Amino acid sequence: MPDLAEAFGARLGRDVAFQQISPEEFRTSVAPLIGEGAAADVAGAYQAMSAMPRRSITPETSAQKLLGATPRTTSQWLADIGL
């Protein structure tokens, strides 16, 4: 996430910092935007992932490798959405 904040900062021309929050804090912050049910589902997924010791995706098993796809960089995505 610090890399994501850095990309936003570069694109917006100002400092952007990543501040980690708990899944519950995330749920509370996004519920007004996406609804309580969806926010609870996403927060639950984050909570479950945080308990998984090996949740990293290796390059060999990544979607990029398996599908032969190259995702857009954060900077490309921000430009595509007009930021």
N, C-alpha and C. Protein backbone atom coordinates (compact mmCIF):
# COMPACT_ATOMS: atom_id res chain seq x y z
N MET A 1 0.79 -1.21 0.00
CA MET A 1 0.00 0.00 0.00
C MET A 1 0.84 1.28 0.00
N PRO A 2 2.01 1.29 0.63
CA PRO A 2 2.82 2.51 0.52
C PRO A 2 3.16 2.86 -0.93
N ASP A 3 3.35 1.83 -1.77
CA ASP A 3 3.62 2.08 -3.19
C ASP A 3 2.41 2.72 -3.87
N LEU A 4 1.23 2.30 -3.50
CA LEU A 4 0.01 2.87 -4.05
C LEU A 4 -0.12 4.34 -3.65
N ALA A 5 0.16 4.64 -2.39
CA ALA A 5 0.11 6.03 -1.93
C ALA A 5 1.14 6.87 -2.68
N GLU A 6 2.30 6.31 -2.91
CA GLU A 6 3.34 7.04 -3.65
C GLU A 6 2.89 7.35 -5.08
N ALA A 7 2.25 6.40 -5.73
CA ALA A 7 1.77 6.62 -7.09
C ALA A 7 0.68 7.69 -7.13
N PHE A 8 -0.24 7.65 -6.16
CA PHE A 8 -1.26 8.69 -6.08
C PHE A 8 -0.60 10.05 -5.87
N GLY A 9 0.38 10.12 -4.98
CA GLY A 9 1.06 11.37 -4.70
C GLY A 9 1.76 11.93 -5.93
N ALA A 10 2.43 11.07 -6.67
CA ALA A 10 3.13 11.51 -7.88
C ALA A 10 2.13 12.04 -8.90
N ARG A 11 1.03 11.35 -9.04
CA ARG A 11 0.02 11.76 -10.03
C ARG A 11 -0.70 13.05 -9.62
N LEU A 12 -0.95 13.20 -8.32
CA LEU A 12 -1.67 14.38 -7.82
C LEU A 12 -0.75 15.56 -7.53
N GLY A 13 0.56 15.31 -7.53
CA GLY A 13 1.51 16.39 -7.29
C GLY A 13 1.56 16.86 -5.85
N ARG A 14 1.28 15.95 -4.93
CA ARG A 14 1.37 16.28 -3.51
C ARG A 14 1.66 15.02 -2.71
N ASP A 15 2.05 15.19 -1.48
CA ASP A 15 2.35 14.04 -0.64
C ASP A 15 1.08 13.29 -0.28
N VAL A 16 1.13 11.98 -0.41
CA VAL A 16 0.06 11.10 0.01
C VAL A 16 0.71 10.01 0.84
N ALA A 17 0.18 9.77 2.02
CA ALA A 17 0.76 8.77 2.91
C ALA A 17 -0.24 7.65 3.16
N PHE A 18 0.27 6.45 3.26
CA PHE A 18 -0.55 5.28 3.60
C PHE A 18 -0.62 5.17 5.11
N GLN A 19 -1.81 5.01 5.63
CA GLN A 19 -2.01 4.79 7.06
C GLN A 19 -2.84 3.53 7.21
N GLN A 20 -2.24 2.49 7.77
CA GLN A 20 -2.95 1.23 7.94
C GLN A 20 -4.07 1.38 8.97
N ILE A 21 -5.22 0.79 8.65
CA ILE A 21 -6.35 0.78 9.58
C ILE A 21 -6.83 -0.66 9.73
N SER A 22 -7.59 -0.90 10.76
CA SER A 22 -8.12 -2.24 11.00
C SER A 22 -9.26 -2.52 10.02
N PRO A 23 -9.57 -3.80 9.82
CA PRO A 23 -10.73 -4.12 8.97
C PRO A 23 -12.01 -3.45 9.47
N GLU A 24 -12.18 -3.34 10.79
CA GLU A 24 -13.38 -2.70 11.33
C GLU A 24 -13.40 -1.21 11.01
N GLU A 25 -12.26 -0.54 11.10
CA GLU A 25 -12.18 0.87 10.73
C GLU A 25 -12.49 1.06 9.25
N PHE A 26 -12.00 0.12 8.44
CA PHE A 26 -12.29 0.17 7.01
C PHE A 26 -13.79 0.03 6.76
N ARG A 27 -14.40 -0.94 7.42
CA ARG A 27 -15.84 -1.17 7.25
C ARG A 27 -16.63 0.09 7.59
N THR A 28 -16.30 0.70 8.69
CA THR A 28 -16.99 1.91 9.11
C THR A 28 -16.82 3.04 8.10
N SER A 29 -15.62 3.15 7.54
CA SER A 29 -15.35 4.27 6.63
C SER A 29 -16.01 4.11 5.26
N VAL A 30 -16.17 2.87 4.79
CA VAL A 30 -16.74 2.68 3.45
C VAL A 30 -18.22 2.35 3.45
N ALA A 31 -18.78 2.01 4.59
CA ALA A 31 -20.20 1.65 4.65
C ALA A 31 -21.11 2.73 4.07
N PRO A 32 -20.86 4.02 4.33
CA PRO A 32 -21.74 5.03 3.72
C PRO A 32 -21.65 5.07 2.19
N LEU A 33 -20.54 4.59 1.65
CA LEU A 33 -20.35 4.62 0.19
C LEU A 33 -20.89 3.39 -0.52
N ILE A 34 -20.68 2.21 0.09
CA ILE A 34 -21.05 0.97 -0.61
C ILE A 34 -22.13 0.17 0.11
N GLY A 35 -22.58 0.64 1.24
CA GLY A 35 -23.60 -0.07 2.00
C GLY A 35 -22.99 -0.94 3.08
N GLU A 36 -23.78 -1.14 4.13
CA GLU A 36 -23.27 -1.88 5.29
C GLU A 36 -22.93 -3.33 4.95
N GLY A 37 -23.79 -3.99 4.17
CA GLY A 37 -23.54 -5.40 3.83
C GLY A 37 -22.26 -5.60 3.05
N ALA A 38 -22.07 -4.81 2.00
CA ALA A 38 -20.86 -4.93 1.18
C ALA A 38 -19.63 -4.56 1.99
N ALA A 39 -19.73 -3.52 2.82
CA ALA A 39 -18.60 -3.10 3.64
C ALA A 39 -18.22 -4.20 4.62
N ALA A 40 -19.21 -4.85 5.22
CA ALA A 40 -18.94 -5.94 6.15
C ALA A 40 -18.30 -7.12 5.43
N ASP A 41 -18.74 -7.42 4.21
CA ASP A 41 -18.15 -8.52 3.44
C ASP A 41 -16.68 -8.25 3.13
N VAL A 42 -16.38 -7.04 2.68
CA VAL A 42 -14.99 -6.70 2.34
C VAL A 42 -14.13 -6.72 3.60
N ALA A 43 -14.62 -6.13 4.68
CA ALA A 43 -13.88 -6.12 5.93
C ALA A 43 -13.63 -7.54 6.43
N GLY A 44 -14.63 -8.40 6.28
CA GLY A 44 -14.47 -9.80 6.67
C GLY A 44 -13.40 -10.50 5.85
N ALA A 45 -13.35 -10.19 4.56
CA ALA A 45 -12.31 -10.78 3.70
C ALA A 45 -10.93 -10.30 4.14
N TYR A 46 -10.82 -9.00 4.43
CA TYR A 46 -9.53 -8.47 4.91
C TYR A 46 -9.14 -9.12 6.23
N GLN A 47 -10.09 -9.30 7.12
CA GLN A 47 -9.81 -9.93 8.41
C GLN A 47 -9.32 -11.36 8.19
N ALA A 48 -9.99 -12.10 7.33
CA ALA A 48 -9.58 -13.48 7.06
C ALA A 48 -8.19 -13.54 6.43
N MET A 49 -7.92 -12.65 5.48
CA MET A 49 -6.60 -12.65 4.84
C MET A 49 -5.49 -12.32 5.82
N SER A 50 -5.78 -11.45 6.79
CA SER A 50 -4.75 -11.08 7.75
C SER A 50 -4.36 -12.26 8.64
N ALA A 51 -5.22 -13.25 8.75
CA ALA A 51 -4.94 -14.42 9.57
C ALA A 51 -4.23 -15.53 8.79
N MET A 52 -4.06 -15.34 7.49
CA MET A 52 -3.44 -16.37 6.66
C MET A 52 -1.93 -16.15 6.62
N PRO A 53 -1.15 -17.14 7.07
CA PRO A 53 0.30 -16.94 7.13
C PRO A 53 0.98 -16.77 5.77
N ARG A 54 0.44 -17.41 4.73
CA ARG A 54 1.07 -17.35 3.41
C ARG A 54 0.09 -16.82 2.38
N ARG A 55 -0.28 -15.55 2.53
CA ARG A 55 -1.28 -15.00 1.61
C ARG A 55 -0.64 -14.33 0.40
N SER A 56 0.68 -14.37 0.31
CA SER A 56 1.36 -13.78 -0.84
C SER A 56 1.17 -14.65 -2.08
N ILE A 57 1.14 -14.02 -3.21
CA ILE A 57 1.05 -14.73 -4.48
C ILE A 57 2.45 -14.76 -5.08
N THR A 58 2.91 -15.95 -5.39
CA THR A 58 4.24 -16.07 -5.98
C THR A 58 4.17 -15.72 -7.46
N PRO A 59 5.26 -15.25 -8.03
CA PRO A 59 5.26 -14.95 -9.47
C PRO A 59 4.85 -16.15 -10.33
N GLU A 60 5.21 -17.34 -9.89
CA GLU A 60 4.91 -18.55 -10.68
C GLU A 60 3.42 -18.87 -10.72
N THR A 61 2.68 -18.49 -9.69
CA THR A 61 1.25 -18.81 -9.65
C THR A 61 0.37 -17.58 -9.82
N SER A 62 0.95 -16.48 -10.21
CA SER A 62 0.17 -15.25 -10.36
C SER A 62 -0.72 -15.30 -11.59
N ALA A 63 -1.77 -14.51 -11.57
CA ALA A 63 -2.65 -14.40 -12.73
C ALA A 63 -1.87 -13.87 -13.93
N GLN A 64 -0.94 -12.97 -13.67
CA GLN A 64 -0.12 -12.44 -14.77
C GLN A 64 0.56 -13.57 -15.51
N LYS A 65 1.18 -14.47 -14.78
CA LYS A 65 1.90 -15.58 -15.40
C LYS A 65 0.93 -16.58 -16.03
N LEU A 66 -0.11 -16.96 -15.29
CA LEU A 66 -1.02 -17.98 -15.77
C LEU A 66 -1.86 -17.52 -16.96
N LEU A 67 -2.21 -16.24 -17.00
CA LEU A 67 -3.04 -15.71 -18.07
C LEU A 67 -2.25 -14.96 -19.14
N GLY A 68 -0.98 -14.74 -18.88
CA GLY A 68 -0.17 -13.99 -19.83
C GLY A 68 -0.62 -12.54 -19.93
N ALA A 69 -1.11 -12.00 -18.85
CA ALA A 69 -1.64 -10.63 -18.84
C ALA A 69 -0.70 -9.70 -18.07
N THR A 70 -0.61 -8.48 -18.52
CA THR A 70 0.16 -7.47 -17.81
C THR A 70 -0.80 -6.39 -17.33
N PRO A 71 -0.95 -6.26 -16.00
CA PRO A 71 -1.87 -5.26 -15.50
C PRO A 71 -1.33 -3.84 -15.70
N ARG A 72 -2.24 -2.89 -15.71
CA ARG A 72 -1.82 -1.50 -15.78
C ARG A 72 -1.11 -1.13 -14.48
N THR A 73 -0.18 -0.20 -14.58
CA THR A 73 0.43 0.34 -13.38
C THR A 73 -0.59 1.25 -12.71
N THR A 74 -0.34 1.58 -11.47
CA THR A 74 -1.24 2.51 -10.78
C THR A 74 -1.28 3.83 -11.51
N SER A 75 -0.14 4.31 -11.97
CA SER A 75 -0.10 5.58 -12.71
C SER A 75 -0.92 5.51 -14.00
N GLN A 76 -0.85 4.39 -14.71
CA GLN A 76 -1.65 4.23 -15.93
C GLN A 76 -3.14 4.22 -15.60
N TRP A 77 -3.50 3.52 -14.53
CA TRP A 77 -4.90 3.45 -14.13
C TRP A 77 -5.42 4.83 -13.74
N LEU A 78 -4.65 5.58 -12.97
CA LEU A 78 -5.07 6.91 -12.57
C LEU A 78 -5.24 7.83 -13.79
N ALA A 79 -4.34 7.71 -14.75
CA ALA A 79 -4.47 8.51 -15.98
C ALA A 79 -5.72 8.09 -16.74
N ASP A 80 -5.99 6.79 -16.80
CA ASP A 80 -7.17 6.31 -17.52
C ASP A 80 -8.49 6.78 -16.91
N ILE A 81 -8.49 6.99 -15.59
CA ILE A 81 -9.73 7.47 -14.96
C ILE A 81 -9.76 8.99 -14.81
N GLY A 82 -8.76 9.63 -15.39
CA GLY A 82 -8.76 11.09 -15.42
C GLY A 82 -8.13 11.79 -14.24
N LEU A 83 -7.34 11.09 -13.47
CA LEU A 83 -6.62 11.74 -12.37
C LEU A 83 -5.19 12.02 -12.74
